[in-house]
Amino acid sequence: HLFRGLIKSNEHLFQLRFIDKNGLEK
């Protein structure tokens, strides 16, 4: 929900990801 709010507040962002230390998208 935090990431969704950040994308909503920045209209130029269209993707936001957290990838763990092993390279896996979380």
PDB file of all heavy atoms in Angstrom:
ATOM      1  N   HIS A   1       0.830  -1.204   0.000  1.00  0.00           N
ATOM      2  CA  HIS A   1       0.000   0.000   0.000  1.00  0.00           C
ATOM      3  C   HIS A   1       0.871   1.264   0.000  1.00  0.00           C
ATOM      4  O   HIS A   1       0.511   2.275  -0.634  1.00  0.00           O
ATOM      5  CB  HIS A   1      -0.928   0.005   1.217  1.00  0.00           C
ATOM      6  CG  HIS A   1      -2.067  -0.965   1.106  1.00  0.00           C
ATOM      7  ND1 HIS A   1      -3.059  -0.832   0.157  1.00  0.00           N
ATOM      8  CD2 HIS A   1      -2.374  -2.082   1.828  1.00  0.00           C
ATOM      9  CE1 HIS A   1      -3.931  -1.825   0.286  1.00  0.00           C
ATOM     10  NE2 HIS A   1      -3.532  -2.602   1.304  1.00  0.00           N
ATOM     11  N   LEU A   2       2.005   1.185   0.678  1.00  0.00           N
ATOM     12  CA  LEU A   2       2.939   2.314   0.685  1.00  0.00           C
ATOM     13  C   LEU A   2       3.435   2.590  -0.737  1.00  0.00           C
ATOM     14  O   LEU A   2       3.440   3.745  -1.192  1.00  0.00           O
ATOM     15  CB  LEU A   2       4.121   2.011   1.608  1.00  0.00           C
ATOM     16  CG  LEU A   2       5.291   3.008   1.570  1.00  0.00           C
ATOM     17  CD1 LEU A   2       4.852   4.369   2.092  1.00  0.00           C
ATOM     18  CD2 LEU A   2       6.476   2.459   2.370  1.00  0.00           C
ATOM     19  N   PHE A   3       3.833   1.528  -1.453  1.00  0.00           N
ATOM     20  CA  PHE A   3       4.331   1.668  -2.814  1.00  0.00           C
ATOM     21  C   PHE A   3       3.232   2.200  -3.745  1.00  0.00           C
ATOM     22  O   PHE A   3       3.490   3.032  -4.619  1.00  0.00           O
ATOM     23  CB  PHE A   3       4.853   0.336  -3.330  1.00  0.00           C
ATOM     24  CG  PHE A   3       6.263   0.004  -2.881  1.00  0.00           C
ATOM     25  CD1 PHE A   3       6.789   0.530  -1.713  1.00  0.00           C
ATOM     26  CD2 PHE A   3       7.065  -0.847  -3.620  1.00  0.00           C
ATOM     27  CE1 PHE A   3       8.068   0.224  -1.288  1.00  0.00           C
ATOM     28  CE2 PHE A   3       8.351  -1.162  -3.216  1.00  0.00           C
ATOM     29  CZ  PHE A   3       8.855  -0.630  -2.047  1.00  0.00           C
ATOM     30  N   ARG A   4       2.026   1.725  -3.557  1.00  0.00           N
ATOM     31  CA  ARG A   4       0.909   2.203  -4.370  1.00  0.00           C
ATOM     32  C   ARG A   4       0.693   3.706  -4.162  1.00  0.00           C
ATOM     33  O   ARG A   4       0.448   4.460  -5.118  1.00  0.00           O
ATOM     34  CB  ARG A   4      -0.371   1.440  -4.018  1.00  0.00           C
ATOM     35  CG  ARG A   4      -0.382  -0.013  -4.485  1.00  0.00           C
ATOM     36  CD  ARG A   4      -1.545  -0.759  -3.846  1.00  0.00           C
ATOM     37  NE  ARG A   4      -2.819  -0.241  -4.344  1.00  0.00           N
ATOM     38  CZ  ARG A   4      -3.500  -0.798  -5.349  1.00  0.00           C
ATOM     39  NH1 ARG A   4      -3.030  -1.888  -5.948  1.00  0.00           N
ATOM     40  NH2 ARG A   4      -4.648  -0.301  -5.753  1.00  0.00           N
ATOM     41  N   GLY A   5       0.800   4.133  -2.914  1.00  0.00           N
ATOM     42  CA  GLY A   5       0.637   5.551  -2.617  1.00  0.00           C
ATOM     43  C   GLY A   5       1.731   6.408  -3.238  1.00  0.00           C
ATOM     44  O   GLY A   5       1.474   7.515  -3.725  1.00  0.00           O
ATOM     45  N   LEU A   6       2.975   5.865  -3.256  1.00  0.00           N
ATOM     46  CA  LEU A   6       4.088   6.608  -3.840  1.00  0.00           C
ATOM     47  C   LEU A   6       3.926   6.751  -5.355  1.00  0.00           C
ATOM     48  O   LEU A   6       4.214   7.816  -5.919  1.00  0.00           O
ATOM     49  CB  LEU A   6       5.413   5.914  -3.509  1.00  0.00           C
ATOM     50  CG  LEU A   6       5.825   5.969  -2.030  1.00  0.00           C
ATOM     51  CD1 LEU A   6       7.045   5.080  -1.786  1.00  0.00           C
ATOM     52  CD2 LEU A   6       6.115   7.409  -1.605  1.00  0.00           C
ATOM     53  N   ILE A   7       3.468   5.675  -6.013  1.00  0.00           N
ATOM     54  CA  ILE A   7       3.237   5.764  -7.464  1.00  0.00           C
ATOM     55  C   ILE A   7       2.101   6.745  -7.758  1.00  0.00           C
ATOM     56  O   ILE A   7       2.147   7.516  -8.715  1.00  0.00           O
ATOM     57  CB  ILE A   7       2.936   4.373  -8.056  1.00  0.00           C
ATOM     58  CG1 ILE A   7       4.226   3.566  -8.160  1.00  0.00           C
ATOM     59  CG2 ILE A   7       2.281   4.488  -9.416  1.00  0.00           C
ATOM     60  CD1 ILE A   7       4.082   2.255  -8.901  1.00  0.00           C
ATOM     61  N   LYS A   8       1.095   6.716  -6.916  1.00  0.00           N
ATOM     62  CA  LYS A   8      -0.042   7.617  -7.122  1.00  0.00           C
ATOM     63  C   LYS A   8       0.369   9.073  -6.962  1.00  0.00           C
ATOM     64  O   LYS A   8      -0.125   9.957  -7.678  1.00  0.00           O
ATOM     65  CB  LYS A   8      -1.157   7.268  -6.132  1.00  0.00           C
ATOM     66  CG  LYS A   8      -2.447   8.026  -6.381  1.00  0.00           C
ATOM     67  CD  LYS A   8      -3.543   7.550  -5.439  1.00  0.00           C
ATOM     68  CE  LYS A   8      -4.846   8.291  -5.722  1.00  0.00           C
ATOM     69  NZ  LYS A   8      -5.937   7.824  -4.820  1.00  0.00           N
ATOM     70  N   SER A   9       1.285   9.335  -6.040  1.00  0.00           N
ATOM     71  CA  SER A   9       1.710  10.713  -5.786  1.00  0.00           C
ATOM     72  C   SER A   9       2.728  11.210  -6.809  1.00  0.00           C
ATOM     73  O   SER A   9       2.935  12.415  -6.935  1.00  0.00           O
ATOM     74  CB  SER A   9       2.306  10.837  -4.379  1.00  0.00           C
ATOM     75  OG  SER A   9       3.484  10.047  -4.254  1.00  0.00           O
ATOM     76  N   ASN A  10       3.377  10.303  -7.529  1.00  0.00           N
ATOM     77  CA  ASN A  10       4.337  10.672  -8.574  1.00  0.00           C
ATOM     78  C   ASN A  10       3.810  10.150  -9.902  1.00  0.00           C
ATOM     79  O   ASN A  10       3.970   8.988 -10.241  1.00  0.00           O
ATOM     80  CB  ASN A  10       5.719  10.088  -8.270  1.00  0.00           C
ATOM     81  CG  ASN A  10       6.801  10.622  -9.195  1.00  0.00           C
ATOM     82  OD1 ASN A  10       6.525  11.018 -10.321  1.00  0.00           O
ATOM     83  ND2 ASN A  10       8.035  10.624  -8.722  1.00  0.00           N
ATOM     84  N   GLU A  11       3.170  11.020 -10.667  1.00  0.00           N
ATOM     85  CA  GLU A  11       2.489  10.596 -11.889  1.00  0.00           C
ATOM     86  C   GLU A  11       3.443  10.066 -12.952  1.00  0.00           C
ATOM     87  O   GLU A  11       3.003   9.424 -13.907  1.00  0.00           O
ATOM     88  CB  GLU A  11       1.687  11.764 -12.470  1.00  0.00           C
ATOM     89  CG  GLU A  11       2.525  12.983 -12.801  1.00  0.00           C
ATOM     90  CD  GLU A  11       1.689  14.112 -13.350  1.00  0.00           C
ATOM     91  OE1 GLU A  11       0.570  13.814 -13.825  1.00  0.00           O
ATOM     92  OE2 GLU A  11       2.127  15.282 -13.303  1.00  0.00           O
ATOM     93  N   HIS A  12       4.740  10.323 -12.825  1.00  0.00           N
ATOM     94  CA  HIS A  12       5.696   9.874 -13.836  1.00  0.00           C
ATOM     95  C   HIS A  12       6.195   8.456 -13.567  1.00  0.00           C
ATOM     96  O   HIS A  12       6.780   7.834 -14.459  1.00  0.00           O
ATOM     97  CB  HIS A  12       6.883  10.838 -13.913  1.00  0.00           C
ATOM     98  CG  HIS A  12       6.476  12.263 -14.075  1.00  0.00           C
ATOM     99  ND1 HIS A  12       5.619  12.681 -15.072  1.00  0.00           N
ATOM    100  CD2 HIS A  12       6.784  13.377 -13.350  1.00  0.00           C
ATOM    101  CE1 HIS A  12       5.429  13.987 -14.965  1.00  0.00           C
ATOM    102  NE2 HIS A  12       6.110  14.431 -13.929  1.00  0.00           N
ATOM    103  N   LEU A  13       6.003   7.938 -12.366  1.00  0.00           N
ATOM    104  CA  LEU A  13       6.392   6.558 -12.063  1.00  0.00           C
ATOM    105  C   LEU A  13       5.341   5.594 -12.603  1.00  0.00           C
ATOM    106  O   LEU A  13       4.153   5.821 -12.431  1.00  0.00           O
ATOM    107  CB  LEU A  13       6.533   6.355 -10.556  1.00  0.00           C
ATOM    108  CG  LEU A  13       7.720   7.023  -9.845  1.00  0.00           C
ATOM    109  CD1 LEU A  13       7.673   6.715  -8.354  1.00  0.00           C
ATOM    110  CD2 LEU A  13       9.034   6.557 -10.433  1.00  0.00           C
ATOM    111  N   PHE A  14       5.795   4.537 -13.254  1.00  0.00           N
ATOM    112  CA  PHE A  14       4.823   3.530 -13.694  1.00  0.00           C
ATOM    113  C   PHE A  14       5.178   2.124 -13.189  1.00  0.00           C
ATOM    114  O   PHE A  14       4.428   1.174 -13.400  1.00  0.00           O
ATOM    115  CB  PHE A  14       4.662   3.522 -15.218  1.00  0.00           C
ATOM    116  CG  PHE A  14       5.864   3.049 -15.995  1.00  0.00           C
ATOM    117  CD1 PHE A  14       6.018   1.716 -16.331  1.00  0.00           C
ATOM    118  CD2 PHE A  14       6.825   3.952 -16.419  1.00  0.00           C
ATOM    119  CE1 PHE A  14       7.107   1.280 -17.069  1.00  0.00           C
ATOM    120  CE2 PHE A  14       7.919   3.527 -17.155  1.00  0.00           C
ATOM    121  CZ  PHE A  14       8.067   2.187 -17.485  1.00  0.00           C
ATOM    122  N   GLN A  15       6.306   2.023 -12.476  1.00  0.00           N
ATOM    123  CA  GLN A  15       6.642   0.740 -11.862  1.00  0.00           C
ATOM    124  C   GLN A  15       7.564   0.986 -10.671  1.00  0.00           C
ATOM    125  O   GLN A  15       8.492   1.791 -10.744  1.00  0.00           O
ATOM    126  CB  GLN A  15       7.331  -0.189 -12.865  1.00  0.00           C
ATOM    127  CG  GLN A  15       7.516  -1.612 -12.347  1.00  0.00           C
ATOM    128  CD  GLN A  15       8.197  -2.505 -13.368  1.00  0.00           C
ATOM    129  OE1 GLN A  15       9.424  -2.659 -13.335  1.00  0.00           O
ATOM    130  NE2 GLN A  15       7.421  -3.068 -14.290  1.00  0.00           N
ATOM    131  N   LEU A  16       7.291   0.278  -9.576  1.00  0.00           N
ATOM    132  CA  LEU A  16       8.094   0.404  -8.364  1.00  0.00           C
ATOM    133  C   LEU A  16       8.234  -0.983  -7.753  1.00  0.00           C
ATOM    134  O   LEU A  16       7.235  -1.679  -7.536  1.00  0.00           O
ATOM    135  CB  LEU A  16       7.424   1.357  -7.377  1.00  0.00           C
ATOM    136  CG  LEU A  16       8.202   1.735  -6.109  1.00  0.00           C
ATOM    137  CD1 LEU A  16       9.529   2.398  -6.443  1.00  0.00           C
ATOM    138  CD2 LEU A  16       7.364   2.662  -5.232  1.00  0.00           C
ATOM    139  N   ARG A  17       9.489  -1.410  -7.509  1.00  0.00           N
ATOM    140  CA  ARG A  17       9.727  -2.787  -7.051  1.00  0.00           C
ATOM    141  C   ARG A  17      10.730  -2.827  -5.897  1.00  0.00           C
ATOM    142  O   ARG A  17      11.638  -1.999  -5.823  1.00  0.00           O
ATOM    143  CB  ARG A  17      10.293  -3.636  -8.191  1.00  0.00           C
ATOM    144  CG  ARG A  17       9.319  -3.947  -9.304  1.00  0.00           C
ATOM    145  CD  ARG A  17       9.996  -4.712 -10.420  1.00  0.00           C
ATOM    146  NE  ARG A  17      10.927  -3.872 -11.179  1.00  0.00           N
ATOM    147  CZ  ARG A  17      11.778  -4.334 -12.100  1.00  0.00           C
ATOM    148  NH1 ARG A  17      11.849  -5.648 -12.331  1.00  0.00           N
ATOM    149  NH2 ARG A  17      12.559  -3.514 -12.757  1.00  0.00           N
ATOM    150  N   PHE A  18      10.524  -3.825  -5.057  1.00  0.00           N
ATOM    151  CA  PHE A  18      11.542  -4.196  -4.081  1.00  0.00           C
ATOM    152  C   PHE A  18      12.024  -5.586  -4.456  1.00  0.00           C
ATOM    153  O   PHE A  18      11.243  -6.534  -4.573  1.00  0.00           O
ATOM    154  CB  PHE A  18      11.002  -4.201  -2.663  1.00  0.00           C
ATOM    155  CG  PHE A  18      11.954  -4.814  -1.666  1.00  0.00           C
ATOM    156  CD1 PHE A  18      13.207  -4.275  -1.454  1.00  0.00           C
ATOM    157  CD2 PHE A  18      11.594  -5.967  -0.957  1.00  0.00           C
ATOM    158  CE1 PHE A  18      14.100  -4.852  -0.543  1.00  0.00           C
ATOM    159  CE2 PHE A  18      12.476  -6.549  -0.050  1.00  0.00           C
ATOM    160  CZ  PHE A  18      13.731  -5.978   0.158  1.00  0.00           C
ATOM    161  N   ILE A  19      13.352  -5.679  -4.689  1.00  0.00           N
ATOM    162  CA  ILE A  19      13.974  -6.960  -5.054  1.00  0.00           C
ATOM    163  C   ILE A  19      14.940  -7.324  -3.935  1.00  0.00           C
ATOM    164  O   ILE A  19      15.797  -6.509  -3.548  1.00  0.00           O
ATOM    165  CB  ILE A  19      14.732  -6.835  -6.396  1.00  0.00           C
ATOM    166  CG1 ILE A  19      13.759  -6.395  -7.514  1.00  0.00           C
ATOM    167  CG2 ILE A  19      15.400  -8.140  -6.773  1.00  0.00           C
ATOM    168  CD1 ILE A  19      14.436  -6.111  -8.845  1.00  0.00           C
ATOM    169  N   ASP A  20      14.807  -8.540  -3.404  1.00  0.00           N
ATOM    170  CA  ASP A  20      15.637  -8.910  -2.243  1.00  0.00           C
ATOM    171  C   ASP A  20      17.078  -9.170  -2.659  1.00  0.00           C
ATOM    172  O   ASP A  20      17.430  -9.116  -3.848  1.00  0.00           O
ATOM    173  CB  ASP A  20      15.016 -10.088  -1.487  1.00  0.00           C
ATOM    174  CG  ASP A  20      15.118 -11.409  -2.244  1.00  0.00           C
ATOM    175  OD1 ASP A  20      15.865 -11.487  -3.239  1.00  0.00           O
ATOM    176  OD2 ASP A  20      14.427 -12.375  -1.839  1.00  0.00           O
ATOM    177  N   LYS A  21      17.925  -9.471  -1.692  1.00  0.00           N
ATOM    178  CA  LYS A  21      19.360  -9.606  -1.929  1.00  0.00           C
ATOM    179  C   LYS A  21      19.700 -10.769  -2.852  1.00  0.00           C
ATOM    180  O   LYS A  21      20.790 -10.809  -3.430  1.00  0.00           O
ATOM    181  CB  LYS A  21      20.093  -9.763  -0.609  1.00  0.00           C
ATOM    182  CG  LYS A  21      19.694 -10.994   0.173  1.00  0.00           C
ATOM    183  CD  LYS A  21      20.419 -11.048   1.503  1.00  0.00           C
ATOM    184  CE  LYS A  21      20.011 -12.292   2.305  1.00  0.00           C
ATOM    185  NZ  LYS A  21      20.706 -12.323   3.606  1.00  0.00           N
ATOM    186  N   ASN A  22      18.742 -11.702  -3.016  1.00  0.00           N
ATOM    187  CA  ASN A  22      18.963 -12.838  -3.909  1.00  0.00           C
ATOM    188  C   ASN A  22      18.466 -12.572  -5.331  1.00  0.00           C
ATOM    189  O   ASN A  22      18.556 -13.440  -6.197  1.00  0.00           O
ATOM    190  CB  ASN A  22      18.265 -14.081  -3.352  1.00  0.00           C
ATOM    191  CG  ASN A  22      18.831 -14.486  -2.001  1.00  0.00           C
ATOM    192  OD1 ASN A  22      20.056 -14.521  -1.809  1.00  0.00           O
ATOM    193  ND2 ASN A  22      17.953 -14.775  -1.045  1.00  0.00           N
ATOM    194  N   GLY A  23      17.917 -11.374  -5.543  1.00  0.00           N
ATOM    195  CA  GLY A  23      17.435 -11.023  -6.870  1.00  0.00           C
ATOM    196  C   GLY A  23      15.981 -11.380  -7.106  1.00  0.00           C
ATOM    197  O   GLY A  23      15.515 -11.300  -8.248  1.00  0.00           O
ATOM    198  N   LEU A  24      15.247 -11.771  -6.050  1.00  0.00           N
ATOM    199  CA  LEU A  24      13.845 -12.168  -6.198  1.00  0.00           C
ATOM    200  C   LEU A  24      12.931 -10.967  -5.967  1.00  0.00           C
ATOM    201  O   LEU A  24      13.093 -10.240  -4.979  1.00  0.00           O
ATOM    202  CB  LEU A  24      13.502 -13.279  -5.204  1.00  0.00           C
ATOM    203  CG  LEU A  24      14.306 -14.580  -5.335  1.00  0.00           C
ATOM    204  CD1 LEU A  24      13.943 -15.540  -4.210  1.00  0.00           C
ATOM    205  CD2 LEU A  24      14.057 -15.229  -6.700  1.00  0.00           C
ATOM    206  N   GLU A  25      11.991 -10.762  -6.885  1.00  0.00           N
ATOM    207  CA  GLU A  25      11.005  -9.704  -6.699  1.00  0.00           C
ATOM    208  C   GLU A  25      10.092 -10.057  -5.531  1.00  0.00           C
ATOM    209  O   GLU A  25       9.512 -11.131  -5.494  1.00  0.00           O
ATOM    210  CB  GLU A  25      10.156  -9.516  -7.963  1.00  0.00           C
ATOM    211  CG  GLU A  25      10.911  -8.921  -9.139  1.00  0.00           C
ATOM    212  CD  GLU A  25      10.022  -8.724 -10.366  1.00  0.00           C
ATOM    213  OE1 GLU A  25       9.045  -9.496 -10.528  1.00  0.00           O
ATOM    214  OE2 GLU A  25      10.295  -7.827 -11.171  1.00  0.00           O
ATOM    215  N   LYS A  26       9.977  -9.129  -4.595  1.00  0.00           N
ATOM    216  CA  LYS A  26       9.117  -9.345  -3.443  1.00  0.00           C
ATOM    217  C   LYS A  26       7.846  -8.484  -3.520  1.00  0.00           C
ATOM    218  O   LYS A  26       6.770  -8.924  -3.127  1.00  0.00           O
ATOM    219  CB  LYS A  26       9.873  -9.051  -2.143  1.00  0.00           C
ATOM    220  CG  LYS A  26      10.985 -10.034  -1.845  1.00  0.00           C
ATOM    221  CD  LYS A  26      10.411 -11.443  -1.646  1.00  0.00           C
ATOM    222  CE  LYS A  26      11.470 -12.450  -1.268  1.00  0.00           C
ATOM    223  NZ  LYS A  26      10.894 -13.804  -1.048  1.00  0.00           N
TER     224      LYS A  26
END
